[in-house]
Amino acid sequence: MLYRETLPPDCPPPGAQGIMDTTVRYRLLETTTPSQEDFDSYVKQKGSANRQISRTPCEQNGVSLFTSLESASKLMMSFFNKNRRWQAIGEVTLPAGAGKLNPVDPNEHQTWWPSQAFDPVGNTTVLP
């Protein structure tokens, strides 16, 4: 599978699973109109991985998604959004072949490595 961004070796990790059936996830967006930049990895946004972050370099080359609207809303209302970086929540419909997902963590967070052929903007609805 070709991915949207160049990934480090052994990325996605062996535990990541390909998306086999249509599924819905939630993404925090920096504007109320989704853009390609809303789906850039931390590494693409910042230029390199950050060793101080608890996520691995591979995870930093992925995109953060949430399995529930509630978990995305909690982060949007938290201290981590005190500067209002995120302005909206997008509901992202991921069809089969849209990439690979890490297993869900206790915060209902998943790292997603989008396939090159998938258009995230065209598959995102901004929620009120």
Protein backbone atom coordinates (compact mmCIF):
# COMPACT_ATOMS: atom_id res chain seq x y z
CA MET A 1 0.00 0.00 0.00
CA LEU A 2 1.24 3.51 -0.77
CA TYR A 3 0.73 6.06 2.00
CA ARG A 4 -0.05 9.77 1.90
CA GLU A 5 3.28 10.63 3.56
CA THR A 6 6.73 9.06 3.51
CA LEU A 7 6.95 6.83 6.57
CA PRO A 8 9.95 5.61 8.57
CA PRO A 9 11.04 1.95 8.24
CA ASP A 10 8.69 -0.61 9.83
CA CYS A 11 5.82 1.86 9.80
CA PRO A 12 2.91 1.28 10.16
CA PRO A 13 3.83 -1.14 12.96
CA PRO A 14 2.94 -4.86 12.75
CA GLY A 15 -0.08 -4.38 15.07
CA ALA A 16 -1.75 -1.87 12.73
CA GLN A 17 -4.63 -3.27 10.71
CA GLY A 18 -5.83 -2.37 7.27
CA ILE A 19 -9.30 -0.86 7.06
CA MET A 20 -11.46 -3.65 5.65
CA ASP A 21 -14.98 -2.23 6.13
CA THR A 22 -16.34 1.30 6.15
CA THR A 23 -15.88 2.86 9.57
CA VAL A 24 -16.37 6.31 11.09
CA ARG A 25 -13.77 8.15 13.16
CA TYR A 26 -13.46 11.73 14.48
CA ARG A 27 -10.69 14.26 13.83
CA LEU A 28 -10.02 17.62 15.47
CA LEU A 29 -9.81 20.31 12.78
CA GLU A 30 -7.98 23.63 12.85
CA THR A 31 -10.71 25.39 10.84
CA THR A 32 -14.42 24.95 10.28
CA THR A 33 -13.73 23.95 6.67
CA PRO A 34 -11.66 20.76 6.35
CA SER A 35 -8.41 21.06 4.40
CA GLN A 36 -5.62 18.65 3.43
CA GLU A 37 -3.46 20.26 6.15
CA ASP A 38 -5.96 19.09 8.79
CA PHE A 39 -4.85 15.56 7.92
CA ASP A 40 -1.08 16.14 8.02
CA SER A 41 0.94 14.18 10.54
CA TYR A 42 2.82 15.84 13.39
CA VAL A 43 6.06 15.26 11.48
CA LYS A 44 4.74 16.94 8.33
CA GLN A 45 3.46 19.91 10.35
CA LYS A 46 6.62 20.36 12.45
CA GLY A 47 9.33 19.04 10.11
CA SER A 48 10.61 16.22 12.36
CA ALA A 49 9.65 13.83 15.13
CA ASN A 50 9.80 15.07 18.73
CA ARG A 51 11.53 12.75 21.20
CA GLN A 52 9.73 14.48 24.10
CA ILE A 53 6.29 13.31 22.96
CA SER A 54 5.03 9.99 24.31
CA ARG A 55 4.18 8.75 20.81
CA THR A 56 6.74 6.82 18.74
CA PRO A 57 8.25 8.38 15.60
CA CYS A 58 6.02 6.06 13.57
CA GLU A 59 2.92 7.28 15.42
CA GLN A 60 4.07 10.89 14.91
CA ASN A 61 4.02 10.14 11.16
CA GLY A 62 0.36 9.16 11.43
CA VAL A 63 -2.85 11.09 11.97
CA SER A 64 -4.75 11.12 15.29
CA LEU A 65 -8.35 9.97 15.19
CA PHE A 66 -10.90 9.19 17.87
CA THR A 67 -13.41 6.35 17.92
CA SER A 68 -16.16 8.42 19.53
CA LEU A 69 -17.44 11.95 19.27
CA GLU A 70 -17.35 12.16 23.08
CA SER A 71 -13.62 11.45 23.28
CA ALA A 72 -12.84 14.00 20.54
CA SER A 73 -15.05 16.57 22.32
CA LYS A 74 -13.25 15.99 25.63
CA LEU A 75 -9.89 16.79 24.07
CA MET A 76 -11.29 19.83 22.27
CA MET A 77 -12.57 21.21 25.59
CA SER A 78 -9.42 20.32 27.53
CA PHE A 79 -6.36 22.27 28.61
CA PHE A 80 -4.59 21.01 25.46
CA ASN A 81 -6.83 23.30 23.39
CA LYS A 82 -6.44 26.38 25.60
CA ASN A 83 -5.12 28.41 22.62
CA ARG A 84 -8.08 27.30 20.46
CA ARG A 85 -5.87 25.46 17.96
CA TRP A 86 -8.80 23.21 17.08
CA GLN A 87 -11.96 24.91 15.88
CA ALA A 88 -14.18 21.98 14.89
CA ILE A 89 -14.63 18.24 14.91
CA GLY A 90 -14.86 16.35 11.65
CA GLU A 91 -16.63 13.03 11.19
CA VAL A 92 -14.38 11.07 8.82
CA THR A 93 -15.81 8.15 6.87
CA LEU A 94 -13.05 5.64 6.16
CA PRO A 95 -13.90 3.10 3.45
CA ALA A 96 -12.06 -0.17 2.94
CA GLY A 97 -8.52 0.54 1.73
CA ALA A 98 -8.29 4.02 3.34
CA GLY A 99 -5.10 3.04 5.18
CA LYS A 100 -4.13 1.33 8.42
CA LEU A 101 -5.17 1.94 12.04
CA ASN A 102 -3.37 1.20 15.30
CA PRO A 103 -5.40 -0.58 17.99
CA VAL A 104 -7.54 1.76 20.11
CA ASP A 105 -5.84 3.13 23.26
CA PRO A 106 -7.64 3.75 26.61
CA ASN A 107 -8.54 7.32 25.51
CA GLU A 108 -10.36 6.02 22.41
CA HIS A 109 -7.50 7.38 20.30
CA GLN A 110 -6.11 5.68 17.20
CA THR A 111 -3.21 6.51 14.93
CA TRP A 112 -4.13 6.32 11.25
CA TRP A 113 -1.77 6.07 8.30
CA PRO A 114 -3.90 7.18 5.31
CA SER A 115 -3.43 5.57 1.94
CA GLN A 116 -2.20 7.80 -0.86
CA ALA A 117 -5.39 7.24 -2.89
CA PHE A 118 -7.80 8.29 -0.11
CA ASP A 119 -9.22 11.84 -0.05
CA PRO A 120 -9.82 12.72 3.63
CA VAL A 121 -11.36 16.13 2.90
CA GLY A 122 -14.00 14.69 0.59
CA ASN A 123 -14.90 12.13 3.24
CA THR A 124 -15.20 14.52 6.19
CA THR A 125 -18.31 16.21 7.52
CA VAL A 126 -17.87 19.05 10.02
CA LEU A 127 -20.12 18.50 13.00
CA PRO A 128 -22.14 21.34 14.56
